[in-house]
Amino acid sequence: MTTTAIIMMIIAMLTIWGGLVAAIINLNKRGDASAEEIRDVEIHRDL
């Protein structure tokens, strides 16, 4: 692999893993609002 390819690979990996870390931190701070909405609504299913 060339140096340019390695640098681009590192940038791509940092972008993906950084986004994952940011999402986890955001969920820990604010919680999952959509999950709370689902719990409040009764689910009726016709079989």
PDB file of N, CA and C in Angstrom:
ATOM      1  N   MET A   1       0.836  -1.183   0.000  1.00  0.00           N
ATOM      2  CA  MET A   1       0.000   0.000   0.000  1.00  0.00           C
ATOM      3  C   MET A   1       0.882   1.249   0.000  1.00  0.00           C
ATOM      4  N   THR A   2       0.398   2.214  -0.707  1.00  0.00           N
ATOM      5  CA  THR A   2       1.150   3.465  -0.748  1.00  0.00           C
ATOM      6  C   THR A   2       0.853   4.295   0.494  1.00  0.00           C
ATOM      7  N   THR A   3       1.669   5.286   0.713  1.00  0.00           N
ATOM      8  CA  THR A   3       1.484   6.167   1.865  1.00  0.00           C
ATOM      9  C   THR A   3       0.154   6.901   1.778  1.00  0.00           C
ATOM     10  N   THR A   4      -0.214   7.325   0.587  1.00  0.00           N
ATOM     11  CA  THR A   4      -1.483   8.028   0.404  1.00  0.00           C
ATOM     12  C   THR A   4      -2.664   7.129   0.762  1.00  0.00           C
ATOM     13  N   ALA A   5      -2.605   5.885   0.354  1.00  0.00           N
ATOM     14  CA  ALA A   5      -3.681   4.947   0.649  1.00  0.00           C
ATOM     15  C   ALA A   5      -3.790   4.702   2.153  1.00  0.00           C
ATOM     16  N   ILE A   6      -2.681   4.598   2.828  1.00  0.00           N
ATOM     17  CA  ILE A   6      -2.687   4.376   4.281  1.00  0.00           C
ATOM     18  C   ILE A   6      -3.263   5.589   5.003  1.00  0.00           C
ATOM     19  N   ILE A   7      -2.884   6.778   4.570  1.00  0.00           N
ATOM     20  CA  ILE A   7      -3.408   7.999   5.193  1.00  0.00           C
ATOM     21  C   ILE A   7      -4.918   8.090   4.993  1.00  0.00           C
ATOM     22  N   MET A   8      -5.382   7.807   3.780  1.00  0.00           N
ATOM     23  CA  MET A   8      -6.827   7.845   3.513  1.00  0.00           C
ATOM     24  C   MET A   8      -7.564   6.790   4.330  1.00  0.00           C
ATOM     25  N   MET A   9      -6.970   5.616   4.501  1.00  0.00           N
ATOM     26  CA  MET A   9      -7.578   4.564   5.303  1.00  0.00           C
ATOM     27  C   MET A   9      -7.693   5.000   6.759  1.00  0.00           C
ATOM     28  N   ILE A  10      -6.666   5.626   7.277  1.00  0.00           N
ATOM     29  CA  ILE A  10      -6.673   6.091   8.667  1.00  0.00           C
ATOM     30  C   ILE A  10      -7.735   7.175   8.850  1.00  0.00           C
ATOM     31  N   ILE A  11      -7.838   8.098   7.907  1.00  0.00           N
ATOM     32  CA  ILE A  11      -8.852   9.155   7.994  1.00  0.00           C
ATOM     33  C   ILE A  11     -10.257   8.547   7.965  1.00  0.00           C
ATOM     34  N   ALA A  12     -10.481   7.584   7.098  1.00  0.00           N
ATOM     35  CA  ALA A  12     -11.798   6.942   7.013  1.00  0.00           C
ATOM     36  C   ALA A  12     -12.123   6.189   8.303  1.00  0.00           C
ATOM     37  N   MET A  13     -11.154   5.487   8.851  1.00  0.00           N
ATOM     38  CA  MET A  13     -11.394   4.740  10.089  1.00  0.00           C
ATOM     39  C   MET A  13     -11.681   5.686  11.252  1.00  0.00           C
ATOM     40  N   LEU A  14     -10.948   6.788  11.336  1.00  0.00           N
ATOM     41  CA  LEU A  14     -11.188   7.754  12.405  1.00  0.00           C
ATOM     42  C   LEU A  14     -12.564   8.400  12.267  1.00  0.00           C
ATOM     43  N   THR A  15     -12.997   8.645  11.041  1.00  0.00           N
ATOM     44  CA  THR A  15     -14.310   9.227  10.819  1.00  0.00           C
ATOM     45  C   THR A  15     -15.408   8.275  11.282  1.00  0.00           C
ATOM     46  N   ILE A  16     -15.303   7.015  10.901  1.00  0.00           N
ATOM     47  CA  ILE A  16     -16.326   6.031  11.272  1.00  0.00           C
ATOM     48  C   ILE A  16     -16.334   5.784  12.775  1.00  0.00           C
ATOM     49  N   TRP A  17     -15.179   5.507  13.362  1.00  0.00           N
ATOM     50  CA  TRP A  17     -15.122   5.230  14.791  1.00  0.00           C
ATOM     51  C   TRP A  17     -15.437   6.471  15.615  1.00  0.00           C
ATOM     52  N   GLY A  18     -15.039   7.640  15.132  1.00  0.00           N
ATOM     53  CA  GLY A  18     -15.368   8.879  15.832  1.00  0.00           C
ATOM     54  C   GLY A  18     -16.863   9.127  15.858  1.00  0.00           C
ATOM     55  N   GLY A  19     -17.531   8.838  14.741  1.00  0.00           N
ATOM     56  CA  GLY A  19     -18.988   8.982  14.703  1.00  0.00           C
ATOM     57  C   GLY A  19     -19.674   8.017  15.647  1.00  0.00           C
ATOM     58  N   LEU A  20     -19.159   6.811  15.732  1.00  0.00           N
ATOM     59  CA  LEU A  20     -19.726   5.823  16.652  1.00  0.00           C
ATOM     60  C   LEU A  20     -19.567   6.278  18.099  1.00  0.00           C
ATOM     61  N   VAL A  21     -18.394   6.768  18.440  1.00  0.00           N
ATOM     62  CA  VAL A  21     -18.148   7.251  19.807  1.00  0.00           C
ATOM     63  C   VAL A  21     -19.041   8.449  20.114  1.00  0.00           C
ATOM     64  N   ALA A  22     -19.178   9.370  19.154  1.00  0.00           N
ATOM     65  CA  ALA A  22     -20.039  10.541  19.363  1.00  0.00           C
ATOM     66  C   ALA A  22     -21.491  10.129  19.562  1.00  0.00           C
ATOM     67  N   ALA A  23     -21.952   9.126  18.820  1.00  0.00           N
ATOM     68  CA  ALA A  23     -23.326   8.649  18.967  1.00  0.00           C
ATOM     69  C   ALA A  23     -23.543   8.005  20.335  1.00  0.00           C
ATOM     70  N   ILE A  24     -22.591   7.240  20.794  1.00  0.00           N
ATOM     71  CA  ILE A  24     -22.710   6.590  22.101  1.00  0.00           C
ATOM     72  C   ILE A  24     -22.722   7.631  23.217  1.00  0.00           C
ATOM     73  N   ILE A  25     -21.859   8.630  23.122  1.00  0.00           N
ATOM     74  CA  ILE A  25     -21.828   9.691  24.128  1.00  0.00           C
ATOM     75  C   ILE A  25     -23.140  10.461  24.120  1.00  0.00           C
ATOM     76  N   ASN A  26     -23.652  10.752  22.932  1.00  0.00           N
ATOM     77  CA  ASN A  26     -24.919  11.472  22.813  1.00  0.00           C
ATOM     78  C   ASN A  26     -26.064  10.674  23.425  1.00  0.00           C
ATOM     79  N   LEU A  27     -26.116   9.375  23.188  1.00  0.00           N
ATOM     80  CA  LEU A  27     -27.177   8.546  23.772  1.00  0.00           C
ATOM     81  C   LEU A  27     -27.063   8.482  25.287  1.00  0.00           C
ATOM     82  N   ASN A  28     -25.845   8.427  25.799  1.00  0.00           N
ATOM     83  CA  ASN A  28     -25.663   8.384  27.248  1.00  0.00           C
ATOM     84  C   ASN A  28     -26.098   9.686  27.903  1.00  0.00           C
ATOM     85  N   LYS A  29     -25.843  10.816  27.252  1.00  0.00           N
ATOM     86  CA  LYS A  29     -26.201  12.105  27.839  1.00  0.00           C
ATOM     87  C   LYS A  29     -27.690  12.382  27.734  1.00  0.00           C
ATOM     88  N   ARG A  30     -28.280  12.148  26.579  1.00  0.00           N
ATOM     89  CA  ARG A  30     -29.658  12.567  26.328  1.00  0.00           C
ATOM     90  C   ARG A  30     -30.664  11.435  26.401  1.00  0.00           C
ATOM     91  N   GLY A  31     -30.233  10.211  26.302  1.00  0.00           N
ATOM     92  CA  GLY A  31     -31.160   9.095  26.311  1.00  0.00           C
ATOM     93  C   GLY A  31     -31.794   8.897  24.949  1.00  0.00           C
ATOM     94  N   ASP A  32     -32.543   7.837  24.827  1.00  0.00           N
ATOM     95  CA  ASP A  32     -33.192   7.496  23.570  1.00  0.00           C
ATOM     96  C   ASP A  32     -34.657   7.892  23.658  1.00  0.00           C
ATOM     97  N   ALA A  33     -35.016   9.037  23.102  1.00  0.00           N
ATOM     98  CA  ALA A  33     -36.384   9.549  23.196  1.00  0.00           C
ATOM     99  C   ALA A  33     -37.363   8.651  22.455  1.00  0.00           C
ATOM    100  N   SER A  34     -36.949   8.073  21.355  1.00  0.00           N
ATOM    101  CA  SER A  34     -37.871   7.233  20.596  1.00  0.00           C
ATOM    102  C   SER A  34     -38.237   5.967  21.370  1.00  0.00           C
ATOM    103  N   ALA A  35     -37.328   5.443  22.158  1.00  0.00           N
ATOM    104  CA  ALA A  35     -37.629   4.251  22.950  1.00  0.00           C
ATOM    105  C   ALA A  35     -38.635   4.582  24.053  1.00  0.00           C
ATOM    106  N   GLU A  36     -38.549   5.797  24.610  1.00  0.00           N
ATOM    107  CA  GLU A  36     -39.500   6.192  25.643  1.00  0.00           C
ATOM    108  C   GLU A  36     -40.891   6.358  25.063  1.00  0.00           C
ATOM    109  N   GLU A  37     -41.002   6.884  23.856  1.00  0.00           N
ATOM    110  CA  GLU A  37     -42.301   7.044  23.214  1.00  0.00           C
ATOM    111  C   GLU A  37     -42.947   5.690  22.946  1.00  0.00           C
ATOM    112  N   ILE A  38     -42.162   4.711  22.579  1.00  0.00           N
ATOM    113  CA  ILE A  38     -42.691   3.378  22.289  1.00  0.00           C
ATOM    114  C   ILE A  38     -43.224   2.738  23.567  1.00  0.00           C
ATOM    115  N   ARG A  39     -42.554   2.944  24.680  1.00  0.00           N
ATOM    116  CA  ARG A  39     -42.991   2.355  25.939  1.00  0.00           C
ATOM    117  C   ARG A  39     -44.313   2.954  26.422  1.00  0.00           C
ATOM    118  N   ASP A  40     -44.567   4.228  26.121  1.00  0.00           N
ATOM    119  CA  ASP A  40     -45.775   4.886  26.600  1.00  0.00           C
ATOM    120  C   ASP A  40     -47.021   4.490  25.821  1.00  0.00           C
ATOM    121  N   VAL A  41     -46.867   4.027  24.612  1.00  0.00           N
ATOM    122  CA  VAL A  41     -48.002   3.700  23.763  1.00  0.00           C
ATOM    123  C   VAL A  41     -48.327   2.213  23.900  1.00  0.00           C
ATOM    124  N   GLU A  42     -49.624   1.904  24.110  1.00  0.00           N
ATOM    125  CA  GLU A  42     -50.017   0.509  24.160  1.00  0.00           C
ATOM    126  C   GLU A  42     -50.057  -0.049  22.733  1.00  0.00           C
ATOM    127  N   ILE A  43     -49.612  -1.256  22.588  1.00  0.00           N
ATOM    128  CA  ILE A  43     -49.592  -1.880  21.267  1.00  0.00           C
ATOM    129  C   ILE A  43     -50.702  -2.913  21.223  1.00  0.00           C
ATOM    130  N   HIS A  44     -51.618  -2.757  20.255  1.00  0.00           N
ATOM    131  CA  HIS A  44     -52.704  -3.706  20.053  1.00  0.00           C
ATOM    132  C   HIS A  44     -52.458  -4.433  18.726  1.00  0.00           C
ATOM    133  N   ARG A  45     -52.526  -5.736  18.789  1.00  0.00           N
ATOM    134  CA  ARG A  45     -52.308  -6.524  17.573  1.00  0.00           C
ATOM    135  C   ARG A  45     -53.482  -7.445  17.366  1.00  0.00           C
ATOM    136  N   ASP A  46     -53.995  -7.449  16.157  1.00  0.00           N
ATOM    137  CA  ASP A  46     -55.043  -8.379  15.783  1.00  0.00           C
ATOM    138  C   ASP A  46     -54.407  -9.620  15.181  1.00  0.00           C
ATOM    139  N   LEU A  47     -54.794 -10.759  15.688  1.00  0.00           N
ATOM    140  CA  LEU A  47     -54.216 -11.995  15.164  1.00  0.00           C
ATOM    141  C   LEU A  47     -55.163 -12.671  14.216  1.00  0.00           C
TER     142      LEU A  47
END
